[in-house]
Amino acid sequence: MANKRTQDIELGITRFEYGDLERPQRAVLVLDTHKHYNGGLVSTASVYWSGKHSRSQMVALFAGAGGDYNTQLRRGDRTAKATQRNIDRQHAEVFTSAVVESLTVAAKDHYAVAVKAGVDGMRNTYPAAVAA
């Protein structure tokens, strides 16, 4: 059985869940290539927040609702077999060093407003607000 390919990249952003200083979370960009539930392969980039005991991600249910950074880079042909060789090949083709760098910048930009303001729409605070 073929395994998905993932790569975690620390973004250097920390927040405190619901403003609680005892609940720090770090932003992690996850690059992932796996079998799509409807056939074929898919490559995505998503930000998860890693805390002491869990990882979390907020998904927006409609456009403009916010949510954590998430983008689909390639959805392969539905007939493509999810072999380890095919997964590894698509992951290498999609996530070149230039693409990884641009995804990292885009993910950081996604959170720039909240980091600058010190709080986001879910009452999570960022270190700038804690120091104030």
N, C-alpha and C. Protein backbone atom coordinates (compact mmCIF):
# COMPACT_ATOMS: atom_id res chain seq x y z
N MET A 1 0.84 -1.18 0.00
CA MET A 1 0.00 0.00 0.00
C MET A 1 0.88 1.25 0.00
N ALA A 2 0.51 2.20 -0.80
CA ALA A 2 1.28 3.43 -0.92
C ALA A 2 0.96 4.39 0.23
N ASN A 3 1.98 5.08 0.68
CA ASN A 3 1.82 6.07 1.76
C ASN A 3 1.85 7.48 1.20
N LYS A 4 1.09 8.37 1.82
CA LYS A 4 1.12 9.76 1.38
C LYS A 4 2.49 10.37 1.69
N ARG A 5 2.83 11.43 0.97
CA ARG A 5 4.08 12.16 1.21
C ARG A 5 3.74 13.47 1.88
N THR A 6 4.40 13.77 2.98
CA THR A 6 4.18 15.04 3.66
C THR A 6 5.51 15.68 4.01
N GLN A 7 5.47 16.97 4.13
CA GLN A 7 6.64 17.75 4.54
C GLN A 7 6.12 18.88 5.42
N ASP A 8 6.64 19.00 6.64
CA ASP A 8 6.24 20.05 7.57
C ASP A 8 7.27 21.18 7.57
N ILE A 9 6.78 22.42 7.52
CA ILE A 9 7.65 23.59 7.54
C ILE A 9 7.16 24.53 8.64
N GLU A 10 8.01 24.78 9.63
CA GLU A 10 7.67 25.72 10.70
C GLU A 10 7.65 27.13 10.12
N LEU A 11 6.59 27.89 10.42
CA LEU A 11 6.46 29.24 9.87
C LEU A 11 7.00 30.32 10.80
N GLY A 12 7.33 29.96 12.03
CA GLY A 12 7.85 30.97 12.96
C GLY A 12 6.77 31.88 13.51
N ILE A 13 5.51 31.44 13.47
CA ILE A 13 4.40 32.22 14.01
C ILE A 13 3.84 31.46 15.21
N THR A 14 3.70 32.15 16.32
CA THR A 14 3.11 31.56 17.51
C THR A 14 1.87 32.34 17.89
N ARG A 15 0.85 31.64 18.35
CA ARG A 15 -0.33 32.29 18.88
C ARG A 15 -0.74 31.59 20.17
N PHE A 16 -1.59 32.25 20.94
CA PHE A 16 -2.08 31.66 22.19
C PHE A 16 -3.57 31.40 22.01
N GLU A 17 -3.94 30.13 22.08
CA GLU A 17 -5.31 29.71 21.85
C GLU A 17 -6.26 30.40 22.83
N TYR A 18 -7.23 31.11 22.29
CA TYR A 18 -8.23 31.87 23.05
C TYR A 18 -7.58 32.83 24.05
N GLY A 19 -6.39 33.31 23.74
CA GLY A 19 -5.72 34.27 24.59
C GLY A 19 -5.09 33.68 25.84
N ASP A 20 -5.12 32.37 26.00
CA ASP A 20 -4.59 31.70 27.19
C ASP A 20 -3.09 31.47 27.02
N LEU A 21 -2.28 32.13 27.85
CA LEU A 21 -0.82 32.02 27.73
C LEU A 21 -0.30 30.61 28.02
N GLU A 22 -1.13 29.77 28.60
CA GLU A 22 -0.75 28.39 28.87
C GLU A 22 -1.03 27.47 27.67
N ARG A 23 -1.58 28.04 26.60
CA ARG A 23 -1.94 27.24 25.42
C ARG A 23 -1.30 27.78 24.15
N PRO A 24 0.05 27.77 24.08
CA PRO A 24 0.70 28.26 22.86
C PRO A 24 0.53 27.27 21.70
N GLN A 25 0.44 27.81 20.50
CA GLN A 25 0.37 27.00 19.29
C GLN A 25 1.33 27.58 18.26
N ARG A 26 2.00 26.70 17.50
CA ARG A 26 2.92 27.10 16.45
C ARG A 26 2.32 26.79 15.09
N ALA A 27 2.49 27.70 14.14
CA ALA A 27 1.99 27.49 12.78
C ALA A 27 2.94 26.58 12.01
N VAL A 28 2.37 25.55 11.38
CA VAL A 28 3.15 24.59 10.59
C VAL A 28 2.49 24.47 9.21
N LEU A 29 3.28 24.74 8.18
CA LEU A 29 2.81 24.56 6.80
C LEU A 29 3.06 23.10 6.42
N VAL A 30 2.00 22.40 6.04
CA VAL A 30 2.11 20.98 5.68
C VAL A 30 1.89 20.84 4.18
N LEU A 31 2.91 20.31 3.51
CA LEU A 31 2.84 20.02 2.08
C LEU A 31 2.53 18.53 1.95
N ASP A 32 1.49 18.19 1.21
CA ASP A 32 0.95 16.84 1.24
C ASP A 32 0.56 16.37 -0.15
N THR A 33 0.95 15.16 -0.52
CA THR A 33 0.49 14.51 -1.74
C THR A 33 -0.06 13.15 -1.35
N HIS A 34 -1.30 12.88 -1.76
CA HIS A 34 -1.96 11.63 -1.36
C HIS A 34 -3.02 11.23 -2.38
N LYS A 35 -3.58 10.06 -2.18
CA LYS A 35 -4.66 9.58 -3.03
C LYS A 35 -5.92 10.38 -2.70
N HIS A 36 -6.59 10.88 -3.74
CA HIS A 36 -7.84 11.61 -3.54
C HIS A 36 -8.96 10.60 -3.32
N TYR A 37 -9.93 10.94 -2.50
CA TYR A 37 -11.02 10.01 -2.20
C TYR A 37 -11.82 9.63 -3.43
N ASN A 38 -11.75 10.46 -4.47
CA ASN A 38 -12.53 10.22 -5.68
C ASN A 38 -11.64 9.73 -6.83
N GLY A 39 -10.47 9.22 -6.50
CA GLY A 39 -9.55 8.71 -7.50
C GLY A 39 -8.47 9.70 -7.86
N GLY A 40 -7.35 9.21 -8.30
CA GLY A 40 -6.23 10.05 -8.68
C GLY A 40 -5.44 10.55 -7.47
N LEU A 41 -4.55 11.49 -7.73
CA LEU A 41 -3.69 12.05 -6.68
C LEU A 41 -3.96 13.53 -6.53
N VAL A 42 -3.71 14.06 -5.34
CA VAL A 42 -3.89 15.48 -5.07
C VAL A 42 -2.71 15.97 -4.22
N SER A 43 -2.26 17.18 -4.51
CA SER A 43 -1.20 17.82 -3.74
C SER A 43 -1.76 19.11 -3.14
N THR A 44 -1.60 19.27 -1.82
CA THR A 44 -2.14 20.43 -1.12
C THR A 44 -1.09 21.04 -0.19
N ALA A 45 -1.34 22.29 0.17
CA ALA A 45 -0.53 22.99 1.17
C ALA A 45 -1.52 23.58 2.18
N SER A 46 -1.35 23.26 3.46
CA SER A 46 -2.26 23.71 4.50
C SER A 46 -1.48 24.10 5.75
N VAL A 47 -2.03 25.06 6.49
CA VAL A 47 -1.43 25.42 7.77
C VAL A 47 -2.23 24.78 8.89
N TYR A 48 -1.51 24.11 9.77
CA TYR A 48 -2.07 23.56 11.00
C TYR A 48 -1.42 24.26 12.16
N TRP A 49 -2.12 24.33 13.27
CA TRP A 49 -1.58 24.91 14.49
C TRP A 49 -1.26 23.78 15.43
N SER A 50 0.00 23.67 15.80
CA SER A 50 0.47 22.59 16.65
C SER A 50 0.60 23.09 18.08
N GLY A 51 -0.16 22.48 18.99
CA GLY A 51 -0.12 22.84 20.40
C GLY A 51 0.55 21.77 21.22
N LYS A 52 0.38 21.85 22.53
CA LYS A 52 0.99 20.88 23.43
C LYS A 52 0.46 19.47 23.20
N HIS A 53 -0.83 19.37 22.92
CA HIS A 53 -1.45 18.05 22.85
C HIS A 53 -2.11 17.72 21.53
N SER A 54 -2.20 18.67 20.61
CA SER A 54 -2.94 18.39 19.38
C SER A 54 -2.53 19.33 18.25
N ARG A 55 -3.05 19.01 17.06
CA ARG A 55 -2.92 19.88 15.90
C ARG A 55 -4.33 20.29 15.50
N SER A 56 -4.50 21.54 15.08
CA SER A 56 -5.83 21.99 14.69
C SER A 56 -5.75 22.84 13.43
N GLN A 57 -6.89 22.90 12.74
CA GLN A 57 -7.01 23.73 11.54
C GLN A 57 -8.46 24.18 11.44
N MET A 58 -8.66 25.46 11.14
CA MET A 58 -10.01 25.96 10.93
C MET A 58 -10.27 26.02 9.43
N VAL A 59 -11.33 25.40 8.99
CA VAL A 59 -11.69 25.38 7.58
C VAL A 59 -12.84 26.35 7.36
N ALA A 60 -12.72 27.21 6.38
CA ALA A 60 -13.80 28.15 6.05
C ALA A 60 -14.85 27.41 5.23
N LEU A 61 -16.11 27.60 5.59
CA LEU A 61 -17.18 26.91 4.89
C LEU A 61 -17.68 27.65 3.67
N PHE A 62 -17.36 28.93 3.55
CA PHE A 62 -17.72 29.68 2.35
C PHE A 62 -16.68 30.76 2.11
N ALA A 63 -16.59 31.23 0.87
CA ALA A 63 -15.57 32.21 0.48
C ALA A 63 -15.66 33.47 1.33
N GLY A 64 -14.53 34.00 1.71
CA GLY A 64 -14.48 35.24 2.47
C GLY A 64 -14.69 35.04 3.97
N ALA A 65 -14.82 33.79 4.41
CA ALA A 65 -15.10 33.52 5.82
C ALA A 65 -13.84 33.46 6.67
N GLY A 66 -12.68 33.58 6.05
CA GLY A 66 -11.44 33.45 6.81
C GLY A 66 -10.98 32.01 6.78
N GLY A 67 -10.58 31.52 7.92
CA GLY A 67 -10.07 30.15 7.99
C GLY A 67 -8.56 30.14 7.85
N ASP A 68 -7.99 28.99 8.07
CA ASP A 68 -6.54 28.85 7.96
C ASP A 68 -6.13 28.68 6.51
N TYR A 69 -4.86 28.97 6.24
CA TYR A 69 -4.32 28.89 4.89
C TYR A 69 -4.44 27.46 4.36
N ASN A 70 -4.97 27.33 3.15
CA ASN A 70 -5.15 26.03 2.54
C ASN A 70 -5.27 26.23 1.03
N THR A 71 -4.47 25.50 0.26
CA THR A 71 -4.57 25.60 -1.18
C THR A 71 -4.28 24.24 -1.82
N GLN A 72 -5.00 23.95 -2.90
CA GLN A 72 -4.78 22.73 -3.67
C GLN A 72 -3.92 23.10 -4.87
N LEU A 73 -2.79 22.43 -5.02
CA LEU A 73 -1.87 22.77 -6.10
C LEU A 73 -2.08 21.94 -7.35
N ARG A 74 -2.34 20.66 -7.18
CA ARG A 74 -2.56 19.81 -8.35
C ARG A 74 -3.51 18.68 -7.99
N ARG A 75 -4.46 18.50 -8.84
CA ARG A 75 -5.35 17.34 -8.75
C ARG A 75 -5.10 16.55 -10.00
N GLY A 76 -4.49 15.38 -9.86
CA GLY A 76 -4.12 14.57 -11.01
C GLY A 76 -5.30 13.90 -11.67
N ASP A 77 -5.04 13.25 -12.77
CA ASP A 77 -6.03 12.48 -13.51
C ASP A 77 -6.66 11.43 -12.60
N ARG A 78 -7.99 11.33 -12.64
CA ARG A 78 -8.69 10.38 -11.77
C ARG A 78 -8.28 8.94 -11.99
N THR A 79 -7.78 8.63 -13.17
CA THR A 79 -7.40 7.25 -13.47
C THR A 79 -5.98 6.93 -13.02
N ALA A 80 -5.23 7.93 -12.56
CA ALA A 80 -3.85 7.70 -12.11
C ALA A 80 -3.85 6.78 -10.90
N LYS A 81 -3.01 5.79 -10.92
CA LYS A 81 -2.90 4.84 -9.81
C LYS A 81 -2.12 5.48 -8.67
N ALA A 82 -2.55 5.21 -7.47
CA ALA A 82 -1.89 5.77 -6.28
C ALA A 82 -0.77 4.85 -5.81
N THR A 83 0.20 4.63 -6.69
CA THR A 83 1.36 3.85 -6.31
C THR A 83 2.35 4.76 -5.59
N GLN A 84 3.26 4.17 -4.83
CA GLN A 84 4.25 4.99 -4.14
C GLN A 84 5.10 5.77 -5.13
N ARG A 85 5.41 5.14 -6.23
CA ARG A 85 6.22 5.81 -7.27
C ARG A 85 5.49 7.04 -7.81
N ASN A 86 4.20 6.91 -8.11
CA ASN A 86 3.43 8.03 -8.64
C ASN A 86 3.26 9.15 -7.61
N ILE A 87 3.02 8.78 -6.36
CA ILE A 87 2.90 9.78 -5.29
C ILE A 87 4.20 10.53 -5.13
N ASP A 88 5.32 9.81 -5.06
CA ASP A 88 6.63 10.44 -4.90
C ASP A 88 6.96 11.35 -6.08
N ARG A 89 6.64 10.89 -7.30
CA ARG A 89 6.93 11.69 -8.49
C ARG A 89 6.11 12.98 -8.49
N GLN A 90 4.80 12.90 -8.24
CA GLN A 90 3.97 14.11 -8.23
C GLN A 90 4.42 15.06 -7.14
N HIS A 91 4.76 14.53 -5.95
CA HIS A 91 5.20 15.38 -4.85
C HIS A 91 6.47 16.16 -5.25
N ALA A 92 7.42 15.47 -5.88
CA ALA A 92 8.66 16.12 -6.32
C ALA A 92 8.41 17.15 -7.42
N GLU A 93 7.49 16.85 -8.34
CA GLU A 93 7.19 17.78 -9.43
C GLU A 93 6.47 19.02 -8.93
N VAL A 94 5.55 18.86 -8.00
CA VAL A 94 4.74 19.98 -7.51
C VAL A 94 5.52 20.85 -6.54
N PHE A 95 6.21 20.25 -5.60
CA PHE A 95 6.85 21.00 -4.52
C PHE A 95 8.34 21.23 -4.78
N THR A 96 8.62 21.99 -5.84
CA THR A 96 10.00 22.40 -6.11
C THR A 96 10.41 23.42 -5.05
N SER A 97 11.69 23.71 -4.94
CA SER A 97 12.15 24.67 -3.92
C SER A 97 11.54 26.06 -4.13
N ALA A 98 11.36 26.47 -5.39
CA ALA A 98 10.75 27.79 -5.67
C ALA A 98 9.29 27.81 -5.23
N VAL A 99 8.56 26.73 -5.48
CA VAL A 99 7.16 26.66 -5.08
C VAL A 99 7.04 26.64 -3.56
N VAL A 100 7.90 25.87 -2.91
CA VAL A 100 7.88 25.80 -1.44
C VAL A 100 8.14 27.17 -0.84
N GLU A 101 9.08 27.91 -1.41
CA GLU A 101 9.38 29.25 -0.92
C GLU A 101 8.18 30.19 -1.10
N SER A 102 7.54 30.13 -2.26
CA SER A 102 6.38 31.01 -2.50
C SER A 102 5.20 30.62 -1.61
N LEU A 103 5.00 29.34 -1.35
CA LEU A 103 3.93 28.89 -0.45
C LEU A 103 4.18 29.35 0.98
N THR A 104 5.44 29.31 1.40
CA THR A 104 5.80 29.76 2.74
C THR A 104 5.50 31.24 2.90
N VAL A 105 5.86 32.04 1.91
CA VAL A 105 5.58 33.49 1.94
C VAL A 105 4.07 33.72 1.94
N ALA A 106 3.33 33.01 1.09
CA ALA A 106 1.87 33.18 1.02
C ALA A 106 1.20 32.81 2.34
N ALA A 107 1.66 31.75 2.98
CA ALA A 107 1.09 31.33 4.25
C ALA A 107 1.35 32.37 5.34
N LYS A 108 2.57 32.91 5.38
CA LYS A 108 2.89 33.96 6.36
C LYS A 108 2.06 35.21 6.10
N ASP A 109 1.90 35.57 4.83
CA ASP A 109 1.08 36.74 4.47
C ASP A 109 -0.37 36.55 4.89
N HIS A 110 -0.86 35.32 4.84
CA HIS A 110 -2.24 35.02 5.22
C HIS A 110 -2.51 35.42 6.68
N TYR A 111 -1.50 35.31 7.53
CA TYR A 111 -1.66 35.61 8.96
C TYR A 111 -1.12 36.98 9.35
N ALA A 112 -0.59 37.74 8.40
CA ALA A 112 0.06 39.02 8.70
C ALA A 112 -0.87 40.01 9.41
N VAL A 113 -2.11 40.10 8.99
CA VAL A 113 -3.05 41.05 9.59
C VAL A 113 -3.30 40.69 11.05
N ALA A 114 -3.54 39.41 11.33
CA ALA A 114 -3.79 38.97 12.70
C ALA A 114 -2.57 39.17 13.58
N VAL A 115 -1.39 38.87 13.04
CA VAL A 115 -0.16 39.05 13.81
C VAL A 115 0.04 40.52 14.15
N LYS A 116 -0.20 41.39 13.17
CA LYS A 116 -0.03 42.83 13.39
C LYS A 116 -1.05 43.35 14.40
N ALA A 117 -2.29 42.88 14.30
CA ALA A 117 -3.36 43.32 15.21
C ALA A 117 -3.22 42.69 16.60
N GLY A 118 -2.56 41.54 16.66
CA GLY A 118 -2.38 40.84 17.94
C GLY A 118 -3.53 39.93 18.31
N VAL A 119 -4.55 39.85 17.46
CA VAL A 119 -5.69 38.97 17.75
C VAL A 119 -6.38 38.60 16.43
N ASP A 120 -7.01 37.43 16.38
CA ASP A 120 -7.76 37.05 15.19
C ASP A 120 -9.24 36.90 15.52
N GLY A 121 -10.03 36.50 14.55
CA GLY A 121 -11.47 36.39 14.72
C GLY A 121 -11.93 35.31 15.68
N MET A 122 -11.03 34.43 16.08
CA MET A 122 -11.39 33.35 17.00
C MET A 122 -10.88 33.62 18.42
N ARG A 123 -10.51 34.88 18.70
CA ARG A 123 -10.01 35.31 20.01
C ARG A 123 -8.65 34.70 20.37
N ASN A 124 -7.90 34.26 19.35
CA ASN A 124 -6.54 33.81 19.59
C ASN A 124 -5.66 35.05 19.60
N THR A 125 -4.72 35.11 20.53
CA THR A 125 -3.84 36.27 20.59
C THR A 125 -2.45 35.90 20.09
N TYR A 126 -1.73 36.91 19.64
CA TYR A 126 -0.39 36.73 19.11
C TYR A 126 0.57 37.49 20.00
N PRO A 127 1.85 37.10 20.08
CA PRO A 127 2.78 37.68 21.05
C PRO A 127 2.82 39.20 21.11
N ALA A 128 2.59 39.90 20.01
CA ALA A 128 2.61 41.38 20.04
C ALA A 128 1.56 41.90 21.02
N ALA A 129 0.39 41.24 21.06
CA ALA A 129 -0.69 41.67 21.96
C ALA A 129 -0.36 41.31 23.41
N VAL A 130 0.36 40.21 23.61
CA VAL A 130 0.71 39.77 24.95
C VAL A 130 1.69 40.76 25.59
N ALA A 131 2.63 41.25 24.78
CA ALA A 131 3.64 42.17 25.29
C ALA A 131 3.06 43.54 25.64
N ALA A 132 1.95 43.91 25.00
CA ALA A 132 1.35 45.23 25.21
C ALA A 132 0.69 45.36 26.58
